[in-house]
Every structure is written in C-alpha cells, then in structure tokens.
C-alpha cells in the first residue's frame, strides 16, 4: 500500500531476483576488501540494495576468499531511507 490515505497502486511485481552475483560484483568486492584493509577499523558502505543480507553473511563467514580468513571483516545491514545498505570494516586477520 502506498502512504497515508489508504490508496493502493496497481502493478505487477518485478521478476524474481537471480541467484548468484551479477557481472562485475566479484571485482567490486575485491576492490572493497582491499580498500577496507588499507583503513582498518573504519566502517564503509560496500553495497546498497537487493541481496545485501546474503552479502553480510558471506563477509562474516569469509565465504569468498577475498574476505578471509574468517573473522577478518565485520559486516552489518541497515535500512537507510528505505534502502538496505551493507556496512563493512576490516578488523584484522582472524580477529
């Protein structure tokens, strides 16, 4: 439903999200990991939008080699102005 007034907006839902990373995400995440390592302890936005909660888990568990070893990075997901945002920071090797 839309905002105040109880008016609805008629439209079909968008197609389901595709599983897996979209093209270029791997390179972007490698760059993000490198930049975070260069500034230990500082939080940064690494992704905004769909699929962010999955990314938080992948960062925390070091599911992708770029985020390893496990415990090297912290990540959280927050809702900011209606958009999901992933914040991450490098905390040290296996911290």
N, C-alpha and C. Protein backbone atom coordinates (compact mmCIF):
# COMPACT_ATOMS: atom_id res chain seq x y z
N UNK A 1 0.84 -1.18 0.00
CA UNK A 1 0.00 0.00 0.00
C UNK A 1 0.88 1.24 0.00
N UNK A 2 0.34 2.25 -0.53
CA UNK A 2 1.11 3.49 -0.54
C UNK A 2 0.94 4.20 0.79
N UNK A 3 1.44 5.38 0.87
CA UNK A 3 1.44 6.14 2.12
C UNK A 3 0.04 6.57 2.51
N UNK A 4 -0.08 7.49 3.41
CA UNK A 4 -1.34 7.93 4.01
C UNK A 4 -2.49 8.00 3.01
N UNK A 5 -3.69 7.69 3.50
CA UNK A 5 -4.87 7.77 2.67
C UNK A 5 -5.38 6.42 2.22
N UNK A 6 -4.62 5.35 2.41
CA UNK A 6 -5.07 4.02 2.07
C UNK A 6 -5.23 3.76 0.58
N UNK A 7 -4.62 4.56 -0.27
CA UNK A 7 -4.70 4.36 -1.71
C UNK A 7 -3.71 3.27 -2.09
N UNK A 8 -4.14 2.36 -2.97
CA UNK A 8 -3.22 1.33 -3.43
C UNK A 8 -2.75 1.66 -4.83
N UNK A 9 -1.61 1.10 -5.18
CA UNK A 9 -1.06 1.30 -6.52
C UNK A 9 -1.07 -0.06 -7.21
N UNK A 10 -1.74 -0.15 -8.35
CA UNK A 10 -1.88 -1.41 -9.07
C UNK A 10 -0.69 -1.60 -10.00
N UNK A 11 0.06 -2.67 -9.75
CA UNK A 11 1.16 -3.03 -10.64
C UNK A 11 1.59 -4.45 -10.34
N UNK A 12 2.13 -5.10 -11.34
CA UNK A 12 2.64 -6.46 -11.18
C UNK A 12 4.00 -6.41 -10.48
N UNK A 13 4.33 -7.43 -9.70
CA UNK A 13 5.65 -7.44 -9.06
C UNK A 13 6.74 -7.64 -10.10
N UNK A 14 7.95 -7.16 -9.79
CA UNK A 14 9.08 -7.37 -10.71
C UNK A 14 9.45 -8.85 -10.74
N UNK A 15 10.22 -9.27 -11.74
CA UNK A 15 10.64 -10.67 -11.80
C UNK A 15 11.51 -11.01 -10.58
N UNK A 16 11.57 -12.30 -10.22
CA UNK A 16 12.38 -12.68 -9.07
C UNK A 16 13.85 -12.35 -9.30
N UNK A 17 14.55 -12.10 -8.20
CA UNK A 17 15.98 -11.82 -8.29
C UNK A 17 16.71 -13.08 -8.73
N UNK A 18 17.72 -12.91 -9.56
CA UNK A 18 18.54 -14.04 -9.99
C UNK A 18 19.47 -14.42 -8.85
N UNK A 19 19.74 -15.69 -8.74
CA UNK A 19 20.67 -16.17 -7.72
C UNK A 19 22.10 -15.92 -8.18
N UNK A 20 22.98 -15.70 -7.22
CA UNK A 20 24.38 -15.51 -7.54
C UNK A 20 24.70 -14.06 -7.85
N UNK A 21 25.98 -13.75 -7.88
CA UNK A 21 26.39 -12.37 -8.12
C UNK A 21 26.15 -11.93 -9.55
N UNK A 22 25.85 -10.66 -9.71
CA UNK A 22 25.71 -10.12 -11.05
C UNK A 22 27.10 -9.82 -11.61
N UNK A 23 27.22 -9.66 -12.93
CA UNK A 23 28.53 -9.41 -13.53
C UNK A 23 29.23 -8.21 -12.89
N UNK A 24 30.48 -8.36 -12.61
CA UNK A 24 31.27 -7.27 -12.06
C UNK A 24 31.27 -7.19 -10.54
N UNK A 25 30.38 -7.93 -9.88
CA UNK A 25 30.32 -7.87 -8.42
C UNK A 25 31.60 -8.41 -7.80
N UNK A 26 32.16 -9.48 -8.37
CA UNK A 26 33.39 -10.06 -7.83
C UNK A 26 34.53 -9.05 -7.79
N UNK A 27 34.72 -8.35 -8.89
CA UNK A 27 35.80 -7.35 -8.96
C UNK A 27 35.53 -6.21 -7.99
N UNK A 28 34.27 -5.80 -7.88
CA UNK A 28 33.92 -4.71 -6.98
C UNK A 28 34.18 -5.11 -5.53
N UNK A 29 33.86 -6.35 -5.19
CA UNK A 29 34.09 -6.80 -3.82
C UNK A 29 35.57 -6.94 -3.51
N UNK A 30 36.37 -7.37 -4.49
CA UNK A 30 37.83 -7.43 -4.29
C UNK A 30 38.38 -6.03 -4.00
N UNK A 31 37.91 -5.06 -4.78
CA UNK A 31 38.37 -3.67 -4.55
C UNK A 31 37.94 -3.18 -3.18
N UNK A 32 36.71 -3.50 -2.79
CA UNK A 32 36.21 -3.08 -1.47
C UNK A 32 37.05 -3.70 -0.36
N UNK A 33 37.34 -4.99 -0.46
CA UNK A 33 38.14 -5.67 0.56
C UNK A 33 39.53 -5.05 0.68
N UNK A 34 40.13 -4.73 -0.45
CA UNK A 34 41.47 -4.12 -0.44
C UNK A 34 41.42 -2.74 0.21
N UNK A 35 40.41 -1.95 -0.15
CA UNK A 35 40.29 -0.60 0.42
C UNK A 35 40.03 -0.65 1.92
N UNK A 36 39.19 -1.61 2.36
CA UNK A 36 38.93 -1.74 3.79
C UNK A 36 40.19 -2.15 4.54
N UNK A 37 40.98 -3.04 3.97
CA UNK A 37 42.24 -3.45 4.61
C UNK A 37 43.20 -2.26 4.78
N UNK A 38 43.13 -1.32 3.84
CA UNK A 38 44.01 -0.15 3.89
C UNK A 38 43.61 0.82 5.01
N UNK A 39 42.39 0.66 5.53
CA UNK A 39 41.90 1.55 6.60
C UNK A 39 41.25 0.70 7.70
N UNK A 40 42.04 -0.08 8.42
CA UNK A 40 41.49 -0.97 9.45
C UNK A 40 40.61 -0.23 10.46
N UNK A 41 39.51 -0.88 10.82
CA UNK A 41 38.62 -0.33 11.84
C UNK A 41 37.62 0.69 11.36
N UNK A 42 37.75 1.18 10.13
CA UNK A 42 36.82 2.20 9.62
C UNK A 42 35.69 1.54 8.84
N UNK A 43 34.45 1.90 9.19
CA UNK A 43 33.27 1.39 8.50
C UNK A 43 33.11 2.08 7.16
N UNK A 44 32.62 1.35 6.18
CA UNK A 44 32.34 1.90 4.86
C UNK A 44 31.12 1.20 4.27
N UNK A 45 30.38 1.90 3.44
CA UNK A 45 29.28 1.30 2.70
C UNK A 45 29.90 0.52 1.55
N UNK A 46 29.57 -0.78 1.44
CA UNK A 46 30.11 -1.58 0.34
C UNK A 46 29.05 -1.94 -0.69
N UNK A 47 27.77 -1.99 -0.28
CA UNK A 47 26.69 -2.32 -1.22
C UNK A 47 25.40 -1.69 -0.72
N UNK A 48 24.58 -1.27 -1.66
CA UNK A 48 23.23 -0.79 -1.35
C UNK A 48 22.26 -1.55 -2.24
N UNK A 49 21.13 -1.98 -1.69
CA UNK A 49 20.09 -2.61 -2.49
C UNK A 49 19.91 -4.08 -2.22
N UNK A 50 19.33 -4.77 -3.20
CA UNK A 50 18.95 -6.18 -3.06
C UNK A 50 20.16 -7.09 -2.82
N UNK A 51 19.91 -8.17 -2.11
CA UNK A 51 20.94 -9.16 -1.87
C UNK A 51 21.92 -8.81 -0.77
N UNK A 52 21.65 -7.74 -0.04
CA UNK A 52 22.62 -7.27 0.93
C UNK A 52 22.77 -8.18 2.14
N UNK A 53 21.68 -8.78 2.60
CA UNK A 53 21.78 -9.63 3.78
C UNK A 53 22.62 -10.87 3.50
N UNK A 54 22.52 -11.40 2.32
CA UNK A 54 23.34 -12.54 1.93
C UNK A 54 24.81 -12.14 1.93
N UNK A 55 25.10 -10.95 1.44
CA UNK A 55 26.48 -10.48 1.41
C UNK A 55 27.05 -10.34 2.81
N UNK A 56 26.25 -9.86 3.75
CA UNK A 56 26.71 -9.73 5.14
C UNK A 56 27.20 -11.09 5.65
N UNK A 57 26.42 -12.13 5.41
CA UNK A 57 26.81 -13.47 5.84
C UNK A 57 28.08 -13.92 5.14
N UNK A 58 28.18 -13.67 3.85
CA UNK A 58 29.38 -14.07 3.10
C UNK A 58 30.63 -13.37 3.61
N UNK A 59 30.50 -12.10 3.97
CA UNK A 59 31.64 -11.37 4.53
C UNK A 59 32.01 -11.93 5.89
N UNK A 60 31.03 -12.08 6.77
CA UNK A 60 31.29 -12.57 8.13
C UNK A 60 31.93 -13.95 8.13
N UNK A 61 31.45 -14.83 7.26
CA UNK A 61 31.95 -16.20 7.23
C UNK A 61 33.14 -16.38 6.28
N UNK A 62 33.53 -15.31 5.63
CA UNK A 62 34.61 -15.36 4.64
C UNK A 62 34.32 -16.44 3.60
N UNK A 63 33.07 -16.46 3.13
CA UNK A 63 32.67 -17.44 2.12
C UNK A 63 33.44 -17.27 0.82
N UNK A 64 33.83 -16.05 0.53
CA UNK A 64 34.66 -15.76 -0.62
C UNK A 64 36.07 -15.48 -0.11
N UNK A 65 37.05 -15.98 -0.82
CA UNK A 65 38.44 -15.87 -0.39
C UNK A 65 38.85 -14.42 -0.08
N UNK A 66 38.31 -13.48 -0.80
CA UNK A 66 38.68 -12.07 -0.62
C UNK A 66 38.41 -11.58 0.81
N UNK A 67 37.44 -12.18 1.51
CA UNK A 67 37.08 -11.74 2.85
C UNK A 67 37.80 -12.55 3.94
N UNK A 68 38.70 -13.43 3.55
CA UNK A 68 39.35 -14.32 4.52
C UNK A 68 40.57 -13.73 5.16
N UNK A 69 41.05 -14.41 6.18
CA UNK A 69 40.44 -15.57 6.81
C UNK A 69 39.20 -15.16 7.61
N UNK A 70 38.36 -16.15 7.99
CA UNK A 70 37.15 -15.82 8.75
C UNK A 70 37.47 -14.96 9.97
N UNK A 71 36.64 -13.97 10.20
CA UNK A 71 36.83 -13.07 11.33
C UNK A 71 37.63 -11.82 10.99
N UNK A 72 38.13 -11.73 9.77
CA UNK A 72 38.93 -10.57 9.37
C UNK A 72 38.09 -9.32 9.13
N UNK A 73 36.83 -9.52 8.75
CA UNK A 73 35.94 -8.42 8.44
C UNK A 73 34.67 -8.53 9.26
N UNK A 74 34.10 -7.38 9.61
CA UNK A 74 32.78 -7.31 10.23
C UNK A 74 31.85 -6.69 9.21
N UNK A 75 30.58 -7.08 9.25
CA UNK A 75 29.60 -6.52 8.33
C UNK A 75 28.24 -6.48 9.00
N UNK A 76 27.48 -5.43 8.69
CA UNK A 76 26.12 -5.29 9.17
C UNK A 76 25.26 -4.75 8.04
N UNK A 77 23.96 -5.00 8.14
CA UNK A 77 23.00 -4.50 7.16
C UNK A 77 22.04 -3.58 7.89
N UNK A 78 21.78 -2.41 7.34
CA UNK A 78 20.86 -1.45 7.94
C UNK A 78 19.91 -0.92 6.88
N UNK A 79 18.71 -0.55 7.31
CA UNK A 79 17.74 0.09 6.43
C UNK A 79 17.94 1.60 6.55
N UNK A 80 18.33 2.22 5.45
CA UNK A 80 18.60 3.66 5.42
C UNK A 80 17.73 4.29 4.34
N UNK A 81 16.82 5.15 4.74
CA UNK A 81 15.92 5.81 3.79
C UNK A 81 15.23 4.81 2.86
N UNK A 82 14.79 3.68 3.42
CA UNK A 82 14.07 2.69 2.64
C UNK A 82 14.94 1.77 1.80
N UNK A 83 16.25 1.89 1.91
CA UNK A 83 17.17 1.07 1.12
C UNK A 83 18.06 0.26 2.05
N UNK A 84 18.24 -1.04 1.75
CA UNK A 84 19.15 -1.85 2.54
C UNK A 84 20.59 -1.50 2.17
N UNK A 85 21.42 -1.31 3.19
CA UNK A 85 22.79 -0.89 3.00
C UNK A 85 23.71 -1.82 3.79
N UNK A 86 24.80 -2.30 3.17
CA UNK A 86 25.79 -3.12 3.86
C UNK A 86 26.97 -2.25 4.21
N UNK A 87 27.31 -2.26 5.51
CA UNK A 87 28.50 -1.59 6.01
C UNK A 87 29.49 -2.68 6.40
N UNK A 88 30.75 -2.46 6.12
CA UNK A 88 31.77 -3.44 6.47
C UNK A 88 33.02 -2.73 6.93
N UNK A 89 33.84 -3.47 7.69
CA UNK A 89 35.15 -2.94 8.10
C UNK A 89 36.11 -4.09 8.30
N UNK A 90 37.37 -3.81 8.10
CA UNK A 90 38.44 -4.78 8.32
C UNK A 90 38.88 -4.65 9.77
N UNK A 91 38.93 -5.78 10.48
CA UNK A 91 39.32 -5.74 11.89
C UNK A 91 40.61 -6.49 12.16
N UNK A 92 41.17 -7.09 11.16
CA UNK A 92 42.43 -7.80 11.31
C UNK A 92 42.28 -9.26 10.98
N UNK A 93 43.37 -9.89 10.76
CA UNK A 93 43.39 -11.28 10.35
C UNK A 93 42.85 -12.20 11.44
N UNK A 94 41.66 -12.75 11.19
CA UNK A 94 41.07 -13.71 12.12
C UNK A 94 40.75 -13.15 13.47
N UNK A 95 40.43 -11.85 13.55
CA UNK A 95 40.15 -11.22 14.85
C UNK A 95 38.88 -11.75 15.46
